[in-house]
N, C-alpha and C. Protein backbone atom coordinates (compact mmCIF):
# COMPACT_ATOMS: atom_id res chain seq x y z
N MET A 1 114.83 136.13 66.80
CA MET A 1 116.21 135.39 67.85
C MET A 1 116.38 136.29 68.63
N ARG A 2 116.53 137.70 68.87
CA ARG A 2 116.80 138.00 69.86
C ARG A 2 115.92 137.87 71.18
N VAL A 3 114.71 138.04 70.68
CA VAL A 3 113.44 137.86 71.73
C VAL A 3 113.44 136.65 72.44
N PHE A 4 113.71 135.65 71.44
CA PHE A 4 114.08 134.15 71.92
C PHE A 4 114.82 133.88 73.23
N ALA A 5 116.08 134.62 72.79
CA ALA A 5 117.09 134.99 73.93
C ALA A 5 116.74 135.43 75.20
N ALA A 6 116.07 136.67 74.73
CA ALA A 6 115.69 137.09 76.05
C ALA A 6 114.93 136.53 77.05
N VAL A 7 113.89 135.71 76.44
CA VAL A 7 112.88 135.10 77.21
C VAL A 7 113.69 133.67 77.37
N ALA A 8 114.32 132.87 77.21
CA ALA A 8 115.17 131.75 77.59
C ALA A 8 115.95 132.51 79.08
N ALA A 9 116.56 133.69 78.80
CA ALA A 9 117.62 134.09 79.71
C ALA A 9 116.38 134.56 80.94
N LEU A 10 115.27 135.12 80.62
CA LEU A 10 114.55 135.35 81.74
C LEU A 10 114.07 134.32 82.53
N LEU A 11 113.75 133.20 81.83
CA LEU A 11 112.98 132.18 82.27
C LEU A 11 114.25 131.18 83.06
N GLY A 12 115.35 131.42 82.64
CA GLY A 12 116.59 130.61 83.47
C GLY A 12 116.88 131.34 84.72
N ALA A 13 116.48 132.41 84.75
CA ALA A 13 116.91 133.39 85.88
C ALA A 13 115.59 133.11 86.85
N VAL A 14 114.81 133.13 86.65
CA VAL A 14 113.55 132.71 87.41
C VAL A 14 113.76 131.49 87.87
N THR A 15 113.78 130.50 87.00
CA THR A 15 114.27 129.10 87.74
C THR A 15 115.20 129.12 88.53
N ILE A 16 116.31 129.49 88.47
CA ILE A 16 117.85 129.61 89.11
C ILE A 16 117.03 130.31 90.60
N ALA A 17 116.54 131.27 90.45
CA ALA A 17 116.12 132.15 91.69
C ALA A 17 114.69 131.51 92.61
N ALA A 18 114.49 130.69 92.04
CA ALA A 18 113.18 129.94 92.53
C ALA A 18 113.53 129.18 93.77
N PRO A 19 113.17 129.07 95.02
CA PRO A 19 113.64 127.93 95.90
C PRO A 19 112.97 126.64 95.65
N ALA A 20 114.22 125.57 95.83
CA ALA A 20 113.39 124.32 95.28
C ALA A 20 112.34 123.59 96.70
N GLN A 21 111.26 123.08 96.22
CA GLN A 21 110.22 122.73 97.53
C GLN A 21 110.22 121.35 97.00
N ALA A 22 110.06 120.32 98.23
CA ALA A 22 110.13 119.11 98.11
C ALA A 22 108.32 118.78 98.11
N TRP A 23 108.06 117.67 97.00
CA TRP A 23 106.65 117.31 97.07
C TRP A 23 106.27 116.57 98.21
N GLU A 24 105.40 116.62 98.74
CA GLU A 24 104.87 115.82 100.02
C GLU A 24 103.32 115.28 99.58
N PRO A 25 103.06 114.14 99.83
CA PRO A 25 101.64 113.55 99.44
C PRO A 25 100.66 114.00 100.52
N GLU A 26 99.44 113.82 99.90
CA GLU A 26 98.29 114.24 100.98
C GLU A 26 98.29 113.07 101.86
N PRO A 27 97.55 113.70 103.04
CA PRO A 27 97.35 112.11 104.11
C PRO A 27 96.31 111.15 103.41
N ALA A 28 96.73 109.95 104.07
CA ALA A 28 96.19 109.01 103.18
C ALA A 28 94.51 109.16 103.59
N LYS A 29 93.26 108.78 102.54
CA LYS A 29 91.89 108.95 102.47
C LYS A 29 91.44 107.44 102.92
N TYR A 30 91.97 106.64 102.50
CA TYR A 30 91.53 105.29 102.71
C TYR A 30 92.79 104.10 103.05
N GLY A 31 92.39 103.16 103.54
CA GLY A 31 93.50 102.30 104.17
C GLY A 31 92.98 100.81 103.15
N VAL A 32 93.79 99.71 103.36
CA VAL A 32 93.79 98.38 102.69
C VAL A 32 93.00 97.46 103.48
N GLY A 33 91.91 96.81 103.47
CA GLY A 33 91.77 95.67 104.05
C GLY A 33 91.94 94.47 103.06
N GLU A 34 92.19 93.49 103.93
CA GLU A 34 93.04 92.02 103.32
C GLU A 34 91.80 90.88 104.04
N GLN A 35 91.51 89.99 103.32
CA GLN A 35 90.87 88.81 103.28
C GLN A 35 92.18 87.95 102.72
N HIS A 36 92.87 86.86 103.69
CA HIS A 36 93.39 85.78 103.13
C HIS A 36 92.62 84.52 102.68
N ASN A 37 93.19 83.94 101.97
CA ASN A 37 92.59 82.32 101.45
C ASN A 37 91.06 82.43 101.26
N VAL A 38 90.64 82.83 100.74
CA VAL A 38 89.24 83.03 100.33
C VAL A 38 88.96 82.26 99.09
N PRO A 39 88.06 81.13 99.40
CA PRO A 39 87.76 80.12 98.34
C PRO A 39 86.87 80.70 96.96
N VAL A 40 87.49 80.30 95.77
CA VAL A 40 86.78 80.76 94.94
C VAL A 40 86.98 79.58 93.89
N GLN A 41 85.53 79.12 93.48
CA GLN A 41 85.10 77.98 92.86
C GLN A 41 85.20 78.30 91.19
N MET A 42 85.77 77.40 90.62
CA MET A 42 85.79 77.64 89.27
C MET A 42 84.45 76.58 88.62
N ALA A 43 84.31 77.02 87.38
CA ALA A 43 83.14 76.30 86.73
C ALA A 43 83.37 74.63 86.62
N ASP A 44 84.61 74.08 86.64
CA ASP A 44 84.84 72.97 86.62
C ASP A 44 84.56 72.47 88.36
N GLY A 45 84.57 73.08 88.98
CA GLY A 45 84.15 72.83 90.48
C GLY A 45 85.51 72.71 90.91
N THR A 46 86.77 72.77 90.32
CA THR A 46 87.94 73.14 91.34
C THR A 46 88.07 74.73 92.12
N ILE A 47 88.43 74.29 93.43
CA ILE A 47 88.38 75.36 94.33
C ILE A 47 89.78 76.19 94.23
N LEU A 48 89.95 77.40 93.98
CA LEU A 48 91.14 78.42 94.47
C LEU A 48 91.05 79.01 95.22
N ARG A 49 92.12 79.24 95.90
CA ARG A 49 91.87 80.15 97.07
C ARG A 49 92.96 81.51 96.74
N ALA A 50 92.48 82.45 97.00
CA ALA A 50 92.87 83.88 96.91
C ALA A 50 92.84 84.93 97.88
N ASP A 51 94.08 85.96 97.82
CA ASP A 51 93.96 86.93 98.67
C ASP A 51 93.06 88.22 98.27
N VAL A 52 92.27 88.64 98.95
CA VAL A 52 91.78 89.68 98.07
C VAL A 52 91.79 91.13 99.11
N TYR A 53 92.06 92.29 98.09
CA TYR A 53 92.54 93.63 99.01
C TYR A 53 91.28 94.51 98.52
N THR A 54 90.73 95.26 99.37
CA THR A 54 89.89 96.04 99.12
C THR A 54 90.15 97.26 99.72
N PRO A 55 89.25 98.65 99.37
CA PRO A 55 89.83 99.47 100.11
C PRO A 55 88.65 99.94 101.36
N VAL A 56 89.41 100.52 102.24
CA VAL A 56 88.54 100.51 103.90
C VAL A 56 88.74 101.88 103.97
N ASN A 57 87.82 102.54 104.60
CA ASN A 57 87.79 103.78 105.34
C ASN A 57 89.05 104.02 106.15
N THR A 58 89.58 105.20 106.86
CA THR A 58 90.62 105.03 107.84
C THR A 58 89.97 104.41 109.18
N ASP A 59 88.88 104.36 109.48
CA ASP A 59 88.45 103.76 110.57
C ASP A 59 88.28 102.06 110.54
N GLY A 60 88.76 101.57 109.25
CA GLY A 60 88.78 99.95 109.27
C GLY A 60 87.23 99.92 108.61
N THR A 61 86.01 100.49 108.54
CA THR A 61 85.08 100.16 108.00
C THR A 61 85.29 100.09 106.16
N PRO A 62 84.41 99.14 105.54
CA PRO A 62 84.58 99.20 104.35
C PRO A 62 84.25 99.98 103.13
N ALA A 63 85.14 100.84 102.48
CA ALA A 63 84.43 101.87 101.55
C ALA A 63 83.61 101.66 100.83
N THR A 64 82.61 102.27 100.99
CA THR A 64 81.26 102.15 100.06
C THR A 64 80.89 102.88 98.87
N ALA A 65 81.44 104.19 98.54
CA ALA A 65 81.43 105.20 97.94
C ALA A 65 82.66 105.59 96.74
N ARG A 66 82.40 106.12 95.46
CA ARG A 66 83.74 106.45 94.67
C ARG A 66 84.36 107.43 95.29
N SER A 67 85.18 107.93 95.46
CA SER A 67 86.02 109.09 95.73
C SER A 67 86.25 110.43 94.70
N ARG A 68 85.50 111.41 94.96
CA ARG A 68 85.10 112.25 94.11
C ARG A 68 86.58 113.21 93.89
N SER A 69 86.90 113.74 92.78
CA SER A 69 88.25 114.71 93.06
C SER A 69 87.71 116.22 94.00
N SER A 70 88.76 116.66 94.74
CA SER A 70 88.33 117.80 95.05
C SER A 70 88.54 119.06 94.38
């Protein structure tokens, strides 16, 4: 029990002494391309219109490959 108390006290002291750092996101790798009112024909011939959102590169060209984790 004494070992547990000592470890808990040490961890508490380290946690209090460590400065808090705010999390910041990485810069965006992709943007979002939008197409509005795209016609989609159903099996019965009814046409619905949809907004389509796709990933694009930062220069606006369509993203063609899956991103790999670094």
